[in-house]
Amino acid sequence: MKKLTIGLIGNPNSGKTTLFNQLTGARQRVGNWAGVTVERKEGQFSTTDHQVTLV
C-alpha cells in the first residue's frame, strides 16, 4: 500500500475544511467568514491502494 501526503490549499471560503471533514470523518469547525481554520490539522483515510494523510 502506497503512502501519500496531500495538502489542501486555496482561497478563503473555498471549501477546504468541508472537503477535509468529508474525506477524513473529522468534525473541524467551519464558518462563513475568512480565518476560521487557522491551525494545521492532519487526518487520514485509505483507498484500496493508498494510505493518505491529508494536511
PDB file of N, CA and C in Angstrom:
ATOM      1  N   MET A   1       0.846  -1.170   0.000  1.00  0.00           N
ATOM      2  CA  MET A   1       0.000   0.000   0.000  1.00  0.00           C
ATOM      3  C   MET A   1       0.898   1.243   0.000  1.00  0.00           C
ATOM      4  N   LYS A   2       0.692   2.126  -0.947  1.00  0.00           N
ATOM      5  CA  LYS A   2       1.473   3.357  -1.037  1.00  0.00           C
ATOM      6  C   LYS A   2       0.976   4.375  -0.028  1.00  0.00           C
ATOM      7  N   LYS A   3       1.907   5.179   0.497  1.00  0.00           N
ATOM      8  CA  LYS A   3       1.554   6.263   1.411  1.00  0.00           C
ATOM      9  C   LYS A   3       1.648   7.581   0.659  1.00  0.00           C
ATOM     10  N   LEU A   4       0.612   8.388   0.765  1.00  0.00           N
ATOM     11  CA  LEU A   4       0.570   9.699   0.128  1.00  0.00           C
ATOM     12  C   LEU A   4       0.297  10.760   1.181  1.00  0.00           C
ATOM     13  N   THR A   5       0.878  11.944   0.985  1.00  0.00           N
ATOM     14  CA  THR A   5       0.545  13.114   1.788  1.00  0.00           C
ATOM     15  C   THR A   5       0.037  14.177   0.839  1.00  0.00           C
ATOM     16  N   ILE A   6      -1.163  14.687   1.121  1.00  0.00           N
ATOM     17  CA  ILE A   6      -1.801  15.675   0.258  1.00  0.00           C
ATOM     18  C   ILE A   6      -2.116  16.907   1.093  1.00  0.00           C
ATOM     19  N   GLY A   7      -1.736  18.083   0.589  1.00  0.00           N
ATOM     20  CA  GLY A   7      -2.038  19.346   1.260  1.00  0.00           C
ATOM     21  C   GLY A   7      -3.189  20.052   0.567  1.00  0.00           C
ATOM     22  N   LEU A   8      -4.118  20.570   1.348  1.00  0.00           N
ATOM     23  CA  LEU A   8      -5.230  21.353   0.803  1.00  0.00           C
ATOM     24  C   LEU A   8      -4.887  22.832   0.932  1.00  0.00           C
ATOM     25  N   ILE A   9      -4.845  23.529  -0.194  1.00  0.00           N
ATOM     26  CA  ILE A   9      -4.588  24.962  -0.190  1.00  0.00           C
ATOM     27  C   ILE A   9      -5.625  25.641  -1.063  1.00  0.00           C
ATOM     28  N   GLY A  10      -5.900  26.892  -0.784  1.00  0.00           N
ATOM     29  CA  GLY A  10      -6.861  27.618  -1.605  1.00  0.00           C
ATOM     30  C   GLY A  10      -7.299  28.910  -0.960  1.00  0.00           C
ATOM     31  N   ASN A  11      -8.160  29.601  -1.635  1.00  0.00           N
ATOM     32  CA  ASN A  11      -8.693  30.876  -1.167  1.00  0.00           C
ATOM     33  C   ASN A  11      -9.585  30.681   0.054  1.00  0.00           C
ATOM     34  N   PRO A  12      -9.791  31.757   0.832  1.00  0.00           N
ATOM     35  CA  PRO A  12     -10.734  31.672   1.951  1.00  0.00           C
ATOM     36  C   PRO A  12     -12.134  31.299   1.459  1.00  0.00           C
ATOM     37  N   ASN A  13     -12.845  30.543   2.277  1.00  0.00           N
ATOM     38  CA  ASN A  13     -14.228  30.136   1.990  1.00  0.00           C
ATOM     39  C   ASN A  13     -14.374  29.379   0.676  1.00  0.00           C
ATOM     40  N   SER A  14     -13.379  28.548   0.373  1.00  0.00           N
ATOM     41  CA  SER A  14     -13.462  27.763  -0.864  1.00  0.00           C
ATOM     42  C   SER A  14     -13.788  26.292  -0.606  1.00  0.00           C
ATOM     43  N   GLY A  15     -14.034  25.915   0.657  1.00  0.00           N
ATOM     44  CA  GLY A  15     -14.464  24.555   0.961  1.00  0.00           C
ATOM     45  C   GLY A  15     -13.373  23.602   1.397  1.00  0.00           C
ATOM     46  N   LYS A  16     -12.197  24.107   1.749  1.00  0.00           N
ATOM     47  CA  LYS A  16     -11.099  23.228   2.154  1.00  0.00           C
ATOM     48  C   LYS A  16     -11.450  22.411   3.396  1.00  0.00           C
ATOM     49  N   THR A  17     -11.988  23.052   4.416  1.00  0.00           N
ATOM     50  CA  THR A  17     -12.319  22.339   5.649  1.00  0.00           C
ATOM     51  C   THR A  17     -13.475  21.379   5.436  1.00  0.00           C
ATOM     52  N   THR A  18     -14.437  21.758   4.635  1.00  0.00           N
ATOM     53  CA  THR A  18     -15.550  20.862   4.326  1.00  0.00           C
ATOM     54  C   THR A  18     -15.047  19.609   3.624  1.00  0.00           C
ATOM     55  N   LEU A  19     -14.139  19.762   2.671  1.00  0.00           N
ATOM     56  CA  LEU A  19     -13.543  18.618   1.979  1.00  0.00           C
ATOM     57  C   LEU A  19     -12.740  17.767   2.954  1.00  0.00           C
ATOM     58  N   PHE A  20     -11.927  18.408   3.806  1.00  0.00           N
ATOM     59  CA  PHE A  20     -11.149  17.699   4.820  1.00  0.00           C
ATOM     60  C   PHE A  20     -12.070  16.867   5.711  1.00  0.00           C
ATOM     61  N   ASN A  21     -13.137  17.479   6.205  1.00  0.00           N
ATOM     62  CA  ASN A  21     -14.082  16.765   7.073  1.00  0.00           C
ATOM     63  C   ASN A  21     -14.728  15.586   6.357  1.00  0.00           C
ATOM     64  N   GLN A  22     -15.111  15.779   5.119  1.00  0.00           N
ATOM     65  CA  GLN A  22     -15.780  14.716   4.361  1.00  0.00           C
ATOM     66  C   GLN A  22     -14.853  13.526   4.126  1.00  0.00           C
ATOM     67  N   LEU A  23     -13.613  13.790   3.771  1.00  0.00           N
ATOM     68  CA  LEU A  23     -12.678  12.705   3.459  1.00  0.00           C
ATOM     69  C   LEU A  23     -12.180  11.979   4.702  1.00  0.00           C
ATOM     70  N   THR A  24     -11.941  12.709   5.791  1.00  0.00           N
ATOM     71  CA  THR A  24     -11.324  12.101   6.968  1.00  0.00           C
ATOM     72  C   THR A  24     -12.317  11.711   8.053  1.00  0.00           C
ATOM     73  N   GLY A  25     -13.551  12.186   7.955  1.00  0.00           N
ATOM     74  CA  GLY A  25     -14.525  11.917   9.007  1.00  0.00           C
ATOM     75  C   GLY A  25     -14.354  12.819  10.218  1.00  0.00           C
ATOM     76  N   ALA A  26     -13.496  13.833  10.106  1.00  0.00           N
ATOM     77  CA  ALA A  26     -13.274  14.778  11.206  1.00  0.00           C
ATOM     78  C   ALA A  26     -14.467  15.721  11.324  1.00  0.00           C
ATOM     79  N   ARG A  27     -14.453  16.510  12.380  1.00  0.00           N
ATOM     80  CA  ARG A  27     -15.530  17.484  12.592  1.00  0.00           C
ATOM     81  C   ARG A  27     -14.926  18.847  12.908  1.00  0.00           C
ATOM     82  N   GLN A  28     -14.039  19.314  12.036  1.00  0.00           N
ATOM     83  CA  GLN A  28     -13.455  20.637  12.207  1.00  0.00           C
ATOM     84  C   GLN A  28     -14.528  21.698  12.027  1.00  0.00           C
ATOM     85  N   ARG A  29     -14.428  22.757  12.802  1.00  0.00           N
ATOM     86  CA  ARG A  29     -15.408  23.839  12.752  1.00  0.00           C
ATOM     87  C   ARG A  29     -15.285  24.600  11.436  1.00  0.00           C
ATOM     88  N   VAL A  30     -16.404  24.957  10.856  1.00  0.00           N
ATOM     89  CA  VAL A  30     -16.435  25.757   9.633  1.00  0.00           C
ATOM     90  C   VAL A  30     -17.291  26.989   9.889  1.00  0.00           C
ATOM     91  N   GLY A  31     -17.050  28.030   9.104  1.00  0.00           N
ATOM     92  CA  GLY A  31     -17.831  29.258   9.227  1.00  0.00           C
ATOM     93  C   GLY A  31     -17.846  29.988   7.903  1.00  0.00           C
ATOM     94  N   ASN A  32     -18.735  30.934   7.777  1.00  0.00           N
ATOM     95  CA  ASN A  32     -18.879  31.676   6.532  1.00  0.00           C
ATOM     96  C   ASN A  32     -18.095  32.987   6.574  1.00  0.00           C
ATOM     97  N   TRP A  33     -16.889  32.942   7.131  1.00  0.00           N
ATOM     98  CA  TRP A  33     -16.011  34.107   7.149  1.00  0.00           C
ATOM     99  C   TRP A  33     -14.569  33.613   7.113  1.00  0.00           C
ATOM    100  N   ALA A  34     -13.693  34.452   6.624  1.00  0.00           N
ATOM    101  CA  ALA A  34     -12.278  34.075   6.473  1.00  0.00           C
ATOM    102  C   ALA A  34     -11.611  33.938   7.841  1.00  0.00           C
ATOM    103  N   GLY A  35     -10.629  33.042   7.921  1.00  0.00           N
ATOM    104  CA  GLY A  35      -9.824  32.895   9.125  1.00  0.00           C
ATOM    105  C   GLY A  35     -10.377  31.945  10.166  1.00  0.00           C
ATOM    106  N   VAL A  36     -11.404  31.175   9.856  1.00  0.00           N
ATOM    107  CA  VAL A  36     -11.970  30.239  10.831  1.00  0.00           C
ATOM    108  C   VAL A  36     -10.976  29.121  11.122  1.00  0.00           C
ATOM    109  N   THR A  37     -10.395  28.535  10.099  1.00  0.00           N
ATOM    110  CA  THR A  37      -9.444  27.439  10.256  1.00  0.00           C
ATOM    111  C   THR A  37      -8.039  28.016  10.184  1.00  0.00           C
ATOM    112  N   VAL A  38      -7.373  28.141  11.318  1.00  0.00           N
ATOM    113  CA  VAL A  38      -6.045  28.748  11.334  1.00  0.00           C
ATOM    114  C   VAL A  38      -4.970  27.787  11.831  1.00  0.00           C
ATOM    115  N   GLU A  39      -5.355  26.635  12.370  1.00  0.00           N
ATOM    116  CA  GLU A  39      -4.394  25.655  12.855  1.00  0.00           C
ATOM    117  C   GLU A  39      -4.183  24.570  11.812  1.00  0.00           C
ATOM    118  N   ARG A  40      -2.959  24.045  11.778  1.00  0.00           N
ATOM    119  CA  ARG A  40      -2.676  22.923  10.887  1.00  0.00           C
ATOM    120  C   ARG A  40      -3.300  21.662  11.484  1.00  0.00           C
ATOM    121  N   LYS A  41      -4.045  20.953  10.682  1.00  0.00           N
ATOM    122  CA  LYS A  41      -4.672  19.699  11.098  1.00  0.00           C
ATOM    123  C   LYS A  41      -4.260  18.601  10.126  1.00  0.00           C
ATOM    124  N   GLU A  42      -4.168  17.388  10.627  1.00  0.00           N
ATOM    125  CA  GLU A  42      -3.896  16.230   9.785  1.00  0.00           C
ATOM    126  C   GLU A  42      -4.980  15.194  10.015  1.00  0.00           C
ATOM    127  N   GLY A  43      -5.326  14.498   8.954  1.00  0.00           N
ATOM    128  CA  GLY A  43      -6.286  13.410   9.032  1.00  0.00           C
ATOM    129  C   GLY A  43      -5.871  12.321   8.062  1.00  0.00           C
ATOM    130  N   GLN A  44      -6.357  11.128   8.266  1.00  0.00           N
ATOM    131  CA  GLN A  44      -6.007  10.004   7.409  1.00  0.00           C
ATOM    132  C   GLN A  44      -7.263   9.341   6.867  1.00  0.00           C
ATOM    133  N   PHE A  45      -7.087   8.778   5.676  1.00  0.00           N
ATOM    134  CA  PHE A  45      -8.097   7.900   5.107  1.00  0.00           C
ATOM    135  C   PHE A  45      -7.398   6.939   4.172  1.00  0.00           C
ATOM    136  N   SER A  46      -8.073   5.853   3.834  1.00  0.00           N
ATOM    137  CA  SER A  46      -7.484   4.817   2.987  1.00  0.00           C
ATOM    138  C   SER A  46      -8.346   4.582   1.761  1.00  0.00           C
ATOM    139  N   THR A  47      -7.674   4.231   0.676  1.00  0.00           N
ATOM    140  CA  THR A  47      -8.339   3.711  -0.505  1.00  0.00           C
ATOM    141  C   THR A  47      -7.859   2.276  -0.656  1.00  0.00           C
ATOM    142  N   THR A  48      -8.252   1.617  -1.705  1.00  0.00           N
ATOM    143  CA  THR A  48      -7.814   0.230  -1.877  1.00  0.00           C
ATOM    144  C   THR A  48      -6.313   0.123  -2.098  1.00  0.00           C
ATOM    145  N   ASP A  49      -5.688   1.170  -2.645  1.00  0.00           N
ATOM    146  CA  ASP A  49      -4.261   1.120  -2.963  1.00  0.00           C
ATOM    147  C   ASP A  49      -3.399   2.082  -2.165  1.00  0.00           C
ATOM    148  N   HIS A  50      -3.998   3.008  -1.422  1.00  0.00           N
ATOM    149  CA  HIS A  50      -3.224   4.073  -0.794  1.00  0.00           C
ATOM    150  C   HIS A  50      -3.658   4.339   0.645  1.00  0.00           C
ATOM    151  N   GLN A  51      -2.673   4.695   1.466  1.00  0.00           N
ATOM    152  CA  GLN A  51      -2.910   5.257   2.795  1.00  0.00           C
ATOM    153  C   GLN A  51      -2.609   6.744   2.659  1.00  0.00           C
ATOM    154  N   VAL A  52      -3.615   7.593   2.831  1.00  0.00           N
ATOM    155  CA  VAL A  52      -3.489   9.019   2.539  1.00  0.00           C
ATOM    156  C   VAL A  52      -3.512   9.825   3.832  1.00  0.00           C
ATOM    157  N   THR A  53      -2.534  10.737   3.967  1.00  0.00           N
ATOM    158  CA  THR A  53      -2.531  11.729   5.040  1.00  0.00           C
ATOM    159  C   THR A  53      -2.893  13.054   4.415  1.00  0.00           C
ATOM    160  N   LEU A  54      -3.932  13.674   4.931  1.00  0.00           N
ATOM    161  CA  LEU A  54      -4.427  14.943   4.405  1.00  0.00           C
ATOM    162  C   LEU A  54      -4.045  16.043   5.381  1.00  0.00           C
ATOM    163  N   VAL A  55      -3.373  17.079   4.859  1.00  0.00           N
ATOM    164  CA  VAL A  55      -2.908  18.199   5.688  1.00  0.00           C
ATOM    165  C   VAL A  55      -3.637  19.444   5.263  1.00  0.00           C
TER     166      VAL A  55
END
